[in-house]
Amino acid sequence: MSRDARKPKSTERELRPLTAEEEAVVRALGRVVYALPRAIDADMMREQRLSLSEYLTLANLSEAPHRQLRMSDLAAAVEMSLSGMTRLASRLESQGLIERVRSEEDARGWNAVLTDAGMTRLKEAWPTNLASVRRHFLDHLEGLDLGKLAVALRNVAT
């Protein structure tokens, strides 16, 4: 294999060192990716006895048509593995917050369905989640163009 064929594609363009401001943003974002979910999860557990993953599962189901999603789609929405979502769904099902039903489109698949009790629990937990998101994140973005920030973050994520 030639030396040029082994070059990573990123070196095909001229590499510019990061400015001090760029470096600060990259490092801060790395910390936020880990610290923010942990802080919100701690608030949710302390005040609601509901983990952030459980809350996000209920929230995603509440926004889905007929309050149901295929288990694999729900796992992707909450950014969990399918096996992790299966364990979480079992916990939520044992509490009566969701039900799992066979998929009408694919008899091999399962859907998670938000129950009325699950919707009630989500509504109870929502103020805690909102306050936590504001305190740990949004309150620190005052004065920034949130529309542009949202577009930039979506572009980074894709």
Protein backbone atom coordinates (compact mmCIF):
# COMPACT_ATOMS: atom_id res chain seq x y z
CA MET A 1 0.00 0.00 0.00
CA SER A 2 1.44 3.37 -0.93
CA ARG A 3 2.16 6.00 1.69
CA ASP A 4 -0.52 8.30 0.21
CA ALA A 5 -3.18 5.56 0.30
CA ARG A 6 -2.64 5.20 4.06
CA LYS A 7 -3.19 8.89 4.82
CA PRO A 8 -6.35 9.58 6.78
CA LYS A 9 -8.82 11.66 4.81
CA SER A 10 -8.64 14.45 7.38
CA THR A 11 -5.04 15.16 6.35
CA GLU A 12 -6.03 15.62 2.71
CA ARG A 13 -7.22 19.12 3.67
CA GLU A 14 -4.90 21.62 5.23
CA LEU A 15 -5.00 21.17 8.99
CA ARG A 16 -5.28 24.36 10.97
CA PRO A 17 -4.46 24.36 14.67
CA LEU A 18 -7.34 25.23 16.95
CA THR A 19 -7.55 28.77 18.22
CA ALA A 20 -7.66 29.17 21.99
CA GLU A 21 -11.40 29.88 21.72
CA GLU A 22 -12.02 26.78 19.55
CA GLU A 23 -10.02 24.62 21.94
CA ALA A 24 -12.02 25.93 24.89
CA VAL A 25 -15.32 25.12 23.14
CA VAL A 26 -14.23 21.60 22.20
CA ARG A 27 -13.04 20.81 25.71
CA ALA A 28 -16.11 22.32 27.37
CA LEU A 29 -18.45 20.40 25.07
CA GLY A 30 -16.68 17.17 25.98
CA ARG A 31 -17.34 17.87 29.65
CA VAL A 32 -20.97 18.90 29.03
CA VAL A 33 -21.73 15.67 27.16
CA TYR A 34 -20.97 13.73 30.34
CA ALA A 35 -21.80 16.19 33.12
CA LEU A 36 -25.20 17.45 31.97
CA PRO A 37 -27.04 14.11 31.82
CA ARG A 38 -25.52 13.10 35.17
CA ALA A 39 -26.65 16.34 36.83
CA ILE A 40 -30.19 16.05 35.46
CA ASP A 41 -30.32 12.36 36.39
CA ALA A 42 -29.25 13.18 39.96
CA ASP A 43 -32.01 15.80 40.27
CA MET A 44 -34.59 13.41 38.83
CA MET A 45 -33.59 10.58 41.15
CA ARG A 46 -33.46 12.80 44.23
CA GLU A 47 -36.78 14.56 43.62
CA GLN A 48 -38.78 12.02 41.60
CA ARG A 49 -37.18 8.60 42.13
CA LEU A 50 -37.21 8.38 38.33
CA SER A 51 -33.99 8.17 36.31
CA LEU A 52 -33.38 10.43 33.35
CA SER A 53 -33.50 7.37 31.05
CA GLU A 54 -36.88 6.38 32.49
CA TYR A 55 -38.15 9.95 32.09
CA LEU A 56 -36.92 10.15 28.49
CA THR A 57 -38.56 6.81 27.72
CA LEU A 58 -41.92 8.06 29.00
CA ALA A 59 -41.47 11.40 27.21
CA ASN A 60 -40.66 9.78 23.86
CA LEU A 61 -43.66 7.48 24.15
CA SER A 62 -45.92 10.43 25.02
CA GLU A 63 -44.93 12.15 21.77
CA ALA A 64 -45.34 9.09 19.55
CA PRO A 65 -48.48 8.26 17.57
CA HIS A 66 -50.87 6.30 19.79
CA ARG A 67 -48.26 6.71 22.56
CA GLN A 68 -46.33 3.69 21.27
CA LEU A 69 -43.00 2.94 19.63
CA ARG A 70 -41.22 -0.16 18.44
CA MET A 71 -38.72 -1.17 21.12
CA SER A 72 -35.74 -0.68 18.79
CA ASP A 73 -36.95 2.83 17.85
CA LEU A 74 -37.46 3.68 21.50
CA ALA A 75 -33.96 2.45 22.35
CA ALA A 76 -32.52 4.65 19.59
CA ALA A 77 -34.53 7.67 20.75
CA VAL A 78 -33.24 7.29 24.32
CA GLU A 79 -29.74 6.38 23.04
CA MET A 80 -29.65 2.98 24.69
CA SER A 81 -28.88 -0.49 23.46
CA LEU A 82 -31.88 -2.68 22.75
CA SER A 83 -30.95 -4.96 25.66
CA GLY A 84 -30.67 -1.95 27.98
CA MET A 85 -34.05 -0.69 26.81
CA THR A 86 -35.55 -4.15 27.36
CA ARG A 87 -34.38 -4.10 30.99
CA LEU A 88 -35.63 -0.54 31.49
CA ALA A 89 -38.97 -1.39 29.87
CA SER A 90 -39.35 -4.37 32.20
CA ARG A 91 -38.93 -2.04 35.20
CA LEU A 92 -41.41 0.48 33.82
CA GLU A 93 -43.85 -2.29 32.93
CA SER A 94 -43.67 -3.73 36.46
CA GLN A 95 -44.66 -0.27 37.75
CA GLY A 96 -47.60 -0.09 35.32
CA LEU A 97 -46.12 2.88 33.44
CA ILE A 98 -45.82 1.12 30.08
CA GLU A 99 -47.06 -2.06 28.44
CA ARG A 100 -45.33 -4.13 25.81
CA VAL A 101 -47.48 -5.44 22.99
CA ARG A 102 -46.80 -7.39 19.83
CA SER A 103 -46.28 -5.20 16.80
CA GLU A 104 -49.22 -5.23 14.41
CA GLU A 105 -46.83 -4.67 11.49
CA ASP A 106 -44.34 -7.39 12.42
CA ALA A 107 -45.51 -10.21 14.69
CA ARG A 108 -41.90 -10.82 15.77
CA GLY A 109 -41.43 -7.27 17.06
CA TRP A 110 -42.62 -5.60 20.24
CA ASN A 111 -43.90 -2.11 20.88
CA ALA A 112 -43.81 -0.18 24.12
CA VAL A 113 -47.05 1.66 24.91
CA LEU A 114 -47.36 4.45 27.46
CA THR A 115 -50.19 3.73 29.90
CA ASP A 116 -52.43 6.34 31.50
CA ALA A 117 -50.45 5.82 34.71
CA GLY A 118 -47.26 6.42 32.74
CA MET A 119 -48.64 9.67 31.35
CA THR A 120 -49.62 10.76 34.87
CA ARG A 121 -46.12 9.90 36.14
CA LEU A 122 -44.54 11.84 33.28
CA LYS A 123 -46.65 14.91 34.09
CA GLU A 124 -45.62 14.65 37.76
CA ALA A 125 -41.92 14.46 36.85
CA TRP A 126 -41.95 17.12 34.14
CA PRO A 127 -41.50 20.17 36.42
CA THR A 128 -38.40 18.63 38.00
CA ASN A 129 -36.90 17.85 34.61
CA LEU A 130 -37.69 21.34 33.32
CA ALA A 131 -36.16 23.06 36.35
CA SER A 132 -33.06 20.87 36.12
CA VAL A 133 -32.57 21.49 32.38
CA ARG A 134 -32.93 25.23 32.94
CA ARG A 135 -30.61 25.34 35.97
CA HIS A 136 -27.86 23.12 34.57
CA PHE A 137 -27.98 24.21 30.92
CA LEU A 138 -30.31 26.84 29.50
CA ASP A 139 -29.66 29.47 32.17
CA HIS A 140 -25.99 29.41 31.12
CA LEU A 141 -26.82 30.26 27.50
CA GLU A 142 -28.37 33.66 28.12
CA GLY A 143 -27.67 36.06 25.28
CA LEU A 144 -26.76 33.37 22.76
CA ASP A 145 -28.77 32.83 19.57
CA LEU A 146 -30.45 29.56 20.56
CA GLY A 147 -31.81 29.00 17.05
CA LYS A 148 -28.32 29.05 15.56
CA LEU A 149 -26.99 26.96 18.42
CA ALA A 150 -29.70 24.33 17.86
CA VAL A 151 -28.89 24.14 14.15
CA ALA A 152 -25.15 23.87 14.85
CA LEU A 153 -25.65 21.10 17.44
CA ARG A 154 -27.95 19.17 15.07
CA ASN A 155 -25.31 19.45 12.36
CA VAL A 156 -22.64 18.15 14.73
CA ALA A 157 -24.87 15.24 15.76
CA THR A 158 -25.44 14.20 12.16
